[in-house]
C-alpha atoms as a PDB file:
ATOM      1  CA  MET A   1      55.672  57.561  -4.220  1.00  0.00           C
ATOM      2  CA  TRP A   2      54.184  54.735  -2.181  1.00  0.00           C
ATOM      3  CA  GLU A   3      50.705  55.742  -3.404  1.00  0.00           C
ATOM      4  CA  LYS A   4      51.930  55.633  -6.962  1.00  0.00           C
ATOM      5  CA  TRP A   5      53.316  52.133  -6.514  1.00  0.00           C
ATOM      6  CA  PHE A   6      50.596  50.574  -4.394  1.00  0.00           C
ATOM      7  CA  GLY A   7      47.458  52.669  -4.942  1.00  0.00           C
ATOM      8  CA  LYS A   8      46.043  50.454  -7.686  1.00  0.00           C
ATOM      9  CA  LYS A   9      46.677  47.294  -5.696  1.00  0.00           C
ATOM     10  CA  ASN A  10      44.866  48.686  -2.651  1.00  0.00           C
ATOM     11  CA  LYS A  11      41.915  49.680  -4.830  1.00  0.00           C
ATOM     12  CA  ASN A  12      41.680  46.146  -6.211  1.00  0.00           C
ATOM     13  CA  ASN A  13      41.777  44.740  -2.698  1.00  0.00           C
ATOM     14  CA  ASP A  14      38.965  47.069  -1.661  1.00  0.00           C
ATOM     15  CA  ASP A  15      36.898  45.962  -4.681  1.00  0.00           C
ATOM     16  CA  ALA A  16      37.521  42.302  -3.911  1.00  0.00           C
ATOM     17  CA  GLN A  17      36.342  42.774  -0.348  1.00  0.00           C
ATOM     18  CA  ALA A  18      33.196  44.723  -1.321  1.00  0.00           C
ATOM     19  CA  PRO A  19      30.037  42.605  -1.129  1.00  0.00           C
ATOM     20  CA  LYS A  20      28.419  41.670  -4.447  1.00  0.00           C
ATOM     21  CA  ALA A  21      25.129  43.385  -5.215  1.00  0.00           C
ATOM     22  CA  ILE A  22      22.114  41.130  -4.697  1.00  0.00           C
ATOM     23  CA  THR A  23      20.147  40.552  -7.898  1.00  0.00           C
ATOM     24  CA  ASP A  24      17.018  42.687  -8.131  1.00  0.00           C
ATOM     25  CA  PHE A  25      13.939  40.744  -9.254  1.00  0.00           C
ATOM     26  CA  SER A  26      11.479  43.542  -8.519  1.00  0.00           C
ATOM     27  CA  PHE A  27      10.693  43.633 -12.248  1.00  0.00           C
ATOM     28  CA  LEU A  28       8.885  40.311 -11.750  1.00  0.00           C
ATOM     29  CA  GLY A  29       6.931  41.393  -8.684  1.00  0.00           C
ATOM     30  CA  ALA A  30       5.742  37.872  -7.870  1.00  0.00           C
ATOM     31  CA  ASP A  31       7.350  34.462  -7.581  1.00  0.00           C
ATOM     32  CA  MET A  32       4.877  31.687  -8.397  1.00  0.00           C
ATOM     33  CA  HIS A  33       6.845  28.491  -7.750  1.00  0.00           C
ATOM     34  CA  SER A  34       8.594  27.674  -4.472  1.00  0.00           C
ATOM     35  CA  HIS A  35       8.642  25.258  -1.563  1.00  0.00           C
ATOM     36  CA  PHE A  36       8.479  27.355   1.619  1.00  0.00           C
ATOM     37  CA  VAL A  37       5.783  25.611   3.682  1.00  0.00           C
ATOM     38  CA  PRO A  38       7.811  23.786   6.349  1.00  0.00           C
ATOM     39  CA  GLY A  39       8.013  20.046   6.707  1.00  0.00           C
ATOM     40  CA  ILE A  40       5.614  18.824   4.037  1.00  0.00           C
ATOM     41  CA  ASP A  41       7.854  18.213   1.019  1.00  0.00           C
ATOM     42  CA  ASP A  42      11.512  18.476  -0.052  1.00  0.00           C
ATOM     43  CA  GLY A  43      11.627  22.230   0.553  1.00  0.00           C
ATOM     44  CA  ALA A  44      11.889  24.038   3.880  1.00  0.00           C
ATOM     45  CA  LYS A  45      12.245  21.551   6.734  1.00  0.00           C
ATOM     46  CA  THR A  46      11.531  23.882   9.656  1.00  0.00           C
ATOM     47  CA  ILE A  47       9.823  27.215  10.149  1.00  0.00           C
ATOM     48  CA  GLU A  48      13.291  28.721  10.660  1.00  0.00           C
ATOM     49  CA  ASP A  49      14.197  27.480   7.159  1.00  0.00           C
ATOM     50  CA  SER A  50      11.027  29.064   5.823  1.00  0.00           C
ATOM     51  CA  LEU A  51      11.854  32.424   7.379  1.00  0.00           C
ATOM     52  CA  LEU A  52      15.392  32.361   5.981  1.00  0.00           C
ATOM     53  CA  LEU A  53      14.030  31.681   2.487  1.00  0.00           C
ATOM     54  CA  LEU A  54      11.346  34.352   2.718  1.00  0.00           C
ATOM     55  CA  ARG A  55      13.890  36.931   3.877  1.00  0.00           C
ATOM     56  CA  GLY A  56      16.026  36.016   0.870  1.00  0.00           C
ATOM     57  CA  MET A  57      13.077  36.679  -1.424  1.00  0.00           C
ATOM     58  CA  VAL A  58      12.498  40.069   0.210  1.00  0.00           C
ATOM     59  CA  ASP A  59      16.186  40.913  -0.318  1.00  0.00           C
ATOM     60  CA  MET A  60      15.740  40.229  -4.042  1.00  0.00           C
ATOM     61  CA  GLY A  61      12.789  42.584  -4.391  1.00  0.00           C
ATOM     62  CA  PHE A  62       9.861  40.177  -4.596  1.00  0.00           C
ATOM     63  CA  LYS A  63       6.537  41.514  -3.298  1.00  0.00           C
ATOM     64  CA  THR A  64       4.290  38.460  -3.674  1.00  0.00           C
ATOM     65  CA  ILE A  65       5.073  34.792  -3.079  1.00  0.00           C
ATOM     66  CA  ILE A  66       2.823  31.965  -4.236  1.00  0.00           C
ATOM     67  CA  THR A  67       4.395  28.942  -2.618  1.00  0.00           C
ATOM     68  CA  THR A  68       3.673  25.554  -4.175  1.00  0.00           C
ATOM     69  CA  PRO A  69       4.299  22.410  -2.096  1.00  0.00           C
ATOM     70  CA  HIS A  70       4.424  19.156  -4.021  1.00  0.00           C
ATOM     71  CA  THR A  71       1.364  16.982  -4.298  1.00  0.00           C
ATOM     72  CA  MET A  72       2.869  13.614  -5.254  1.00  0.00           C
ATOM     73  CA  ILE A  73       1.157  10.494  -3.960  1.00  0.00           C
ATOM     74  CA  ASP A  74       4.265   8.294  -3.640  1.00  0.00           C
ATOM     75  CA  PHE A  75       6.481  10.830  -1.846  1.00  0.00           C
ATOM     76  CA  TYR A  76       4.530  13.895  -0.701  1.00  0.00           C
ATOM     77  CA  PRO A  77       0.854  12.890  -0.420  1.00  0.00           C
ATOM     78  CA  ASN A  78      -0.313  16.385   0.416  1.00  0.00           C
ATOM     79  CA  THR A  79      -3.917  17.466   0.357  1.00  0.00           C
ATOM     80  CA  THR A  80      -5.538  20.871   0.243  1.00  0.00           C
ATOM     81  CA  GLU A  81      -5.906  20.589   4.025  1.00  0.00           C
ATOM     82  CA  THR A  82      -2.247  19.767   4.781  1.00  0.00           C
ATOM     83  CA  ILE A  83      -1.057  22.551   2.504  1.00  0.00           C
ATOM     84  CA  GLN A  84      -3.447  25.154   3.905  1.00  0.00           C
ATOM     85  CA  ASN A  85      -2.682  24.203   7.517  1.00  0.00           C
ATOM     86  CA  GLY A  86       1.058  24.491   6.921  1.00  0.00           C
ATOM     87  CA  PHE A  87       0.574  27.716   5.033  1.00  0.00           C
ATOM     88  CA  GLU A  88      -1.432  29.321   7.842  1.00  0.00           C
ATOM     89  CA  LEU A  89       1.494  28.660  10.200  1.00  0.00           C
ATOM     90  CA  LEU A  90       3.917  30.125   7.653  1.00  0.00           C
ATOM     91  CA  LYS A  91       1.796  33.242   7.183  1.00  0.00           C
ATOM     92  CA  GLN A  92       1.392  33.756  10.922  1.00  0.00           C
ATOM     93  CA  VAL A  93       5.095  33.425  11.703  1.00  0.00           C
ATOM     94  CA  ALA A  94       6.045  35.609   8.729  1.00  0.00           C
ATOM     95  CA  ALA A  95       3.798  38.382  10.067  1.00  0.00           C
ATOM     96  CA  GLU A  96       5.241  37.998  13.578  1.00  0.00           C
ATOM     97  CA  ASN A  97       8.706  38.463  12.100  1.00  0.00           C
ATOM     98  CA  ASN A  98       7.737  41.557  10.088  1.00  0.00           C
ATOM     99  CA  ILE A  99       8.270  39.902   6.710  1.00  0.00           C
ATOM    100  CA  THR A 100       6.512  42.215   4.278  1.00  0.00           C
ATOM    101  CA  LEU A 101       5.378  39.818   1.572  1.00  0.00           C
ATOM    102  CA  SER A 102       1.937  39.045   0.217  1.00  0.00           C
ATOM    103  CA  LEU A 103       1.636  35.279   0.603  1.00  0.00           C
ATOM    104  CA  LYS A 104      -0.558  32.651  -1.025  1.00  0.00           C
ATOM    105  CA  ALA A 105      -0.414  28.854  -1.271  1.00  0.00           C
ATOM    106  CA  ALA A 106      -1.113  26.673  -4.286  1.00  0.00           C
ATOM    107  CA  SER A 107       0.480  23.341  -5.210  1.00  0.00           C
ATOM    108  CA  GLU A 108       2.788  21.752  -7.761  1.00  0.00           C
ATOM    109  CA  TYR A 109       0.808  18.693  -8.839  1.00  0.00           C
ATOM    110  CA  TYR A 110       2.645  15.638 -10.160  1.00  0.00           C
ATOM    111  CA  ILE A 111       0.909  14.091 -13.149  1.00  0.00           C
ATOM    112  CA  ASP A 112       0.220  10.443 -12.459  1.00  0.00           C
ATOM    113  CA  GLU A 113      -2.854   8.228 -12.107  1.00  0.00           C
ATOM    114  CA  SER A 114      -3.703   9.602  -8.672  1.00  0.00           C
ATOM    115  CA  PHE A 115      -3.701  13.162 -10.003  1.00  0.00           C
ATOM    116  CA  ASP A 116      -5.964  12.098 -12.854  1.00  0.00           C
ATOM    117  CA  ALA A 117      -8.474  10.919 -10.239  1.00  0.00           C
ATOM    118  CA  LEU A 118      -7.959  14.008  -8.048  1.00  0.00           C
ATOM    119  CA  ILE A 119      -9.143  16.361 -10.787  1.00  0.00           C
ATOM    120  CA  ASP A 120     -12.670  14.996 -10.365  1.00  0.00           C
ATOM    121  CA  LYS A 121     -12.671  14.847  -6.565  1.00  0.00           C
ATOM    122  CA  GLN A 122     -12.072  18.389  -5.358  1.00  0.00           C
ATOM    123  CA  PRO A 123     -11.131  21.898  -6.485  1.00  0.00           C
ATOM    124  CA  LEU A 124      -7.424  22.180  -7.165  1.00  0.00           C
ATOM    125  CA  LEU A 125      -5.211  24.867  -5.615  1.00  0.00           C
ATOM    126  CA  THR A 126      -4.550  27.363  -8.383  1.00  0.00           C
ATOM    127  CA  ILE A 127      -1.801  29.875  -9.073  1.00  0.00           C
ATOM    128  CA  TYR A 128      -4.075  32.461 -10.654  1.00  0.00           C
ATOM    129  CA  LYS A 129      -7.799  32.095 -11.331  1.00  0.00           C
ATOM    130  CA  ASN A 130      -8.023  28.684 -13.069  1.00  0.00           C
ATOM    131  CA  GLU A 131      -4.272  28.177 -13.697  1.00  0.00           C
ATOM    132  CA  VAL A 132      -2.789  25.019 -12.143  1.00  0.00           C
ATOM    133  CA  LEU A 133       0.934  24.251 -11.808  1.00  0.00           C
ATOM    134  CA  VAL A 134       1.792  20.696 -12.907  1.00  0.00           C
ATOM    135  CA  GLU A 135       4.942  18.647 -13.399  1.00  0.00           C
ATOM    136  CA  PHE A 136       5.871  15.116 -14.434  1.00  0.00           C
ATOM    137  CA  SER A 137       8.889  12.817 -14.674  1.00  0.00           C
ATOM    138  CA  MET A 138      12.130  14.499 -15.734  1.00  0.00           C
ATOM    139  CA  LEU A 139      13.168  11.307 -17.542  1.00  0.00           C
ATOM    140  CA  TYR A 140      10.158  10.219 -19.583  1.00  0.00           C
ATOM    141  CA  GLU A 141       6.833  11.496 -20.807  1.00  0.00           C
ATOM    142  CA  PRO A 142       4.014   9.863 -18.836  1.00  0.00           C
ATOM    143  CA  PRO A 143       1.709   7.824 -21.073  1.00  0.00           C
ATOM    144  CA  ASN A 144      -1.359   9.639 -19.750  1.00  0.00           C
ATOM    145  CA  LEU A 145       0.055  13.168 -20.182  1.00  0.00           C
ATOM    146  CA  LYS A 146      -2.147  14.196 -23.103  1.00  0.00           C
ATOM    147  CA  ASN A 147      -5.264  12.739 -21.499  1.00  0.00           C
ATOM    148  CA  VAL A 148      -4.616  14.509 -18.181  1.00  0.00           C
ATOM    149  CA  LEU A 149      -3.963  17.844 -19.867  1.00  0.00           C
ATOM    150  CA  PHE A 150      -7.191  17.450 -21.863  1.00  0.00           C
ATOM    151  CA  LYS A 151      -9.074  16.551 -18.682  1.00  0.00           C
ATOM    152  CA  LEU A 152      -7.749  19.642 -16.899  1.00  0.00           C
ATOM    153  CA  LEU A 153      -8.854  21.847 -19.780  1.00  0.00           C
ATOM    154  CA  THR A 154     -12.310  20.285 -20.039  1.00  0.00           C
ATOM    155  CA  ASN A 155     -12.740  20.732 -16.273  1.00  0.00           C
ATOM    156  CA  GLY A 156     -12.076  24.462 -16.622  1.00  0.00           C
ATOM    157  CA  TYR A 157      -8.411  24.535 -15.635  1.00  0.00           C
ATOM    158  CA  LYS A 158      -5.441  25.903 -17.560  1.00  0.00           C
ATOM    159  CA  PRO A 159      -2.239  23.901 -16.979  1.00  0.00           C
ATOM    160  CA  ILE A 160       1.047  25.661 -16.256  1.00  0.00           C
ATOM    161  CA  ILE A 161       3.863  23.245 -17.090  1.00  0.00           C
ATOM    162  CA  ALA A 162       6.580  23.673 -14.465  1.00  0.00           C
ATOM    163  CA  HIS A 163      10.193  23.916 -15.695  1.00  0.00           C
ATOM    164  CA  PRO A 164       9.621  22.393 -19.171  1.00  0.00           C
ATOM    165  CA  GLU A 165      13.295  22.874 -20.019  1.00  0.00           C
ATOM    166  CA  ARG A 166      14.180  20.189 -17.466  1.00  0.00           C
ATOM    167  CA  TYR A 167      12.224  17.339 -19.107  1.00  0.00           C
ATOM    168  CA  LEU A 168      15.011  15.360 -20.738  1.00  0.00           C
ATOM    169  CA  SER A 169      12.605  13.351 -22.893  1.00  0.00           C
ATOM    170  CA  PHE A 170      11.659  16.590 -24.687  1.00  0.00           C
ATOM    171  CA  HIS A 171      15.199  17.710 -25.506  1.00  0.00           C
ATOM    172  CA  LYS A 172      15.431  15.709 -28.733  1.00  0.00           C
ATOM    173  CA  ASP A 173      12.114  17.005 -30.040  1.00  0.00           C
ATOM    174  CA  ILE A 174      11.688  20.746 -29.576  1.00  0.00           C
ATOM    175  CA  ASP A 175       8.283  20.476 -31.249  1.00  0.00           C
ATOM    176  CA  LYS A 176       7.025  18.923 -27.995  1.00  0.00           C
ATOM    177  CA  TYR A 177       6.994  22.409 -26.477  1.00  0.00           C
ATOM    178  CA  THR A 178       5.010  23.826 -29.372  1.00  0.00           C
ATOM    179  CA  GLU A 179       2.542  20.987 -28.941  1.00  0.00           C
ATOM    180  CA  LEU A 180       2.061  21.845 -25.266  1.00  0.00           C
ATOM    181  CA  LYS A 181       1.366  25.466 -26.173  1.00  0.00           C
ATOM    182  CA  ASP A 182      -1.018  24.403 -28.932  1.00  0.00           C
ATOM    183  CA  ARG A 183      -2.890  22.286 -26.384  1.00  0.00           C
ATOM    184  CA  GLY A 184      -3.534  25.403 -24.295  1.00  0.00           C
ATOM    185  CA  CYS A 185      -0.760  25.023 -21.705  1.00  0.00           C
ATOM    186  CA  LEU A 186       1.349  27.800 -20.231  1.00  0.00           C
ATOM    187  CA  LEU A 187       5.084  27.261 -19.677  1.00  0.00           C
ATOM    188  CA  GLN A 188       7.100  28.302 -16.615  1.00  0.00           C
ATOM    189  CA  LEU A 189      10.849  28.865 -16.653  1.00  0.00           C
ATOM    190  CA  ASN A 190      12.914  27.942 -13.629  1.00  0.00           C
ATOM    191  CA  LEU A 191      15.155  30.948 -13.005  1.00  0.00           C
ATOM    192  CA  LEU A 192      18.105  28.723 -12.122  1.00  0.00           C
ATOM    193  CA  SER A 193      17.802  26.733 -15.360  1.00  0.00           C
ATOM    194  CA  ILE A 194      18.928  29.651 -17.483  1.00  0.00           C
ATOM    195  CA  THR A 195      22.192  29.912 -15.512  1.00  0.00           C
ATOM    196  CA  GLY A 196      23.202  26.303 -16.182  1.00  0.00           C
ATOM    197  CA  TYR A 197      22.495  25.279 -12.582  1.00  0.00           C
ATOM    198  CA  TYR A 198      20.837  22.050 -13.811  1.00  0.00           C
ATOM    199  CA  GLY A 199      23.403  21.438 -16.552  1.00  0.00           C
ATOM    200  CA  LYS A 200      24.394  22.878 -19.917  1.00  0.00           C
ATOM    201  CA  ASN A 201      21.707  21.064 -21.898  1.00  0.00           C
ATOM    202  CA  VAL A 202      18.920  22.367 -19.680  1.00  0.00           C
ATOM    203  CA  GLY A 203      20.377  25.866 -19.923  1.00  0.00           C
ATOM    204  CA  ALA A 204      20.561  25.659 -23.717  1.00  0.00           C
ATOM    205  CA  VAL A 205      16.932  24.553 -23.997  1.00  0.00           C
ATOM    206  CA  ALA A 206      15.853  27.346 -21.648  1.00  0.00           C
ATOM    207  CA  GLU A 207      17.667  29.902 -23.800  1.00  0.00           C
ATOM    208  CA  LYS A 208      16.012  28.513 -26.941  1.00  0.00           C
ATOM    209  CA  LEU A 209      12.536  28.655 -25.397  1.00  0.00           C
ATOM    210  CA  LEU A 210      13.170  32.218 -24.229  1.00  0.00           C
ATOM    211  CA  ALA A 211      14.391  33.249 -27.676  1.00  0.00           C
ATOM    212  CA  ASN A 212      11.221  31.815 -29.203  1.00  0.00           C
ATOM    213  CA  LYS A 213       8.987  33.569 -26.630  1.00  0.00           C
ATOM    214  CA  MET A 214       7.588  30.223 -25.440  1.00  0.00           C
ATOM    215  CA  TYR A 215       7.504  31.023 -21.716  1.00  0.00           C
ATOM    216  CA  ASP A 216       4.629  32.675 -19.890  1.00  0.00           C
ATOM    217  CA  TYR A 217       5.867  32.698 -16.285  1.00  0.00           C
ATOM    218  CA  CYS A 218       9.128  32.255 -14.468  1.00  0.00           C
ATOM    219  CA  GLY A 219       9.624  31.005 -10.928  1.00  0.00           C
ATOM    220  CA  SER A 220      12.421  30.418  -8.490  1.00  0.00           C
ATOM    221  CA  ASP A 221      11.470  26.823  -7.580  1.00  0.00           C
ATOM    222  CA  ALA A 222      13.502  27.605  -4.457  1.00  0.00           C
ATOM    223  CA  HIS A 223      13.764  24.750  -1.958  1.00  0.00           C
ATOM    224  CA  HIS A 224      16.695  25.711   0.266  1.00  0.00           C
ATOM    225  CA  GLU A 225      19.383  28.261   1.042  1.00  0.00           C
ATOM    226  CA  LYS A 226      21.677  27.123  -1.777  1.00  0.00           C
ATOM    227  CA  HIS A 227      18.983  28.003  -4.306  1.00  0.00           C
ATOM    228  CA  ILE A 228      18.561  31.449  -2.766  1.00  0.00           C
ATOM    229  CA  ASP A 229      22.320  32.057  -2.886  1.00  0.00           C
ATOM    230  CA  HIS A 230      22.428  31.179  -6.595  1.00  0.00           C
ATOM    231  CA  LEU A 231      19.403  33.335  -7.355  1.00  0.00           C
ATOM    232  CA  LYS A 232      21.060  36.313  -5.685  1.00  0.00           C
ATOM    233  CA  ASN A 233      23.955  36.025  -8.150  1.00  0.00           C
ATOM    234  CA  ILE A 234      21.955  35.812 -11.399  1.00  0.00           C
ATOM    235  CA  GLY A 235      22.545  39.526 -11.874  1.00  0.00           C
ATOM    236  CA  ASN A 236      26.203  38.684 -12.480  1.00  0.00           C
ATOM    237  CA  THR A 237      25.358  36.490 -15.503  1.00  0.00           C
ATOM    238  CA  LYS A 238      24.823  37.341 -19.166  1.00  0.00           C
ATOM    239  CA  VAL A 239      21.170  36.278 -19.062  1.00  0.00           C
ATOM    240  CA  TYR A 240      19.952  38.820 -16.515  1.00  0.00           C
ATOM    241  CA  ASP A 241      19.203  41.519 -19.103  1.00  0.00           C
ATOM    242  CA  LEU A 242      17.367  38.912 -21.186  1.00  0.00           C
ATOM    243  CA  LEU A 243      15.183  38.054 -18.201  1.00  0.00           C
ATOM    244  CA  ARG A 244      14.486  41.723 -17.466  1.00  0.00           C
ATOM    245  CA  SER A 245      13.303  42.391 -21.008  1.00  0.00           C
ATOM    246  CA  TYR A 246      11.106  39.285 -21.327  1.00  0.00           C
ATOM    247  CA  PRO A 247       7.291  39.795 -21.088  1.00  0.00           C
ATOM    248  CA  PHE A 248       6.624  37.388 -18.212  1.00  0.00           C
ATOM    249  CA  LEU A 249       3.114  37.431 -16.720  1.00  0.00           C
ATOM    250  CA  ASN A 250       4.314  37.364 -13.104  1.00  0.00           C
ATOM    251  CA  ASN A 251       3.262  40.914 -12.285  1.00  0.00           C
ATOM    252  CA  ARG A 252      -0.394  40.087 -12.731  1.00  0.00           C
ATOM    253  CA  LEU A 253      -0.086  37.744  -9.738  1.00  0.00           C
ATOM    254  CA  CYS A 254       0.741  40.557  -7.320  1.00  0.00           C
ATOM    255  CA  PHE A 255      -1.903  41.347  -4.720  1.00  0.00           C
END
């Protein structure tokens, strides 16, 4: 009799206490946008932070990580040397801690006048072959955007526009995204954008770009533990199946 009365309640309690399944991103294979090199931008602050983030990526099924510290003259004036030096430390400590990921470093370049000049000075750190990850102001379109994109292309690079759904100046003119594609750019979705993490408007634009098959890559853009925690729960959202069925190019980055 007691089982009849309380059995269902006990089952619910057991379900409530059971840990949620961690989202499986093994269908992507590679993550191509993150900030795991310690102490050189607004991502991981210490090597311990880096290890925590890398372990989170392993838990979610990633096999390859291309981490992309900011290169932004006013805030994070990184160079190829500072990024590579920090990355060598990251790779060494990851191996010492038995973290089974293939690791590579590139950069997320901020489009401004200093980046315009940098294109001519030295080879840029690329995501894949000649593909370069770039970003710009979330609030306004930089006046030199078209010129810089043209310069990248004429210098043999192919721009990947990081998180285009987050550029508020583009939200009122969806044709801006078509123009970027027509100019030869690739577009990269931030995984957290599609969940509404950055706000409803950003999420709506991300869904529209997905529906129109505008994206080429997706990336975590993970900076800290909070991002990892949110990524682990994407499997509990309505967009997970949409992500799984989308023809992202991430798998070609695996090595």
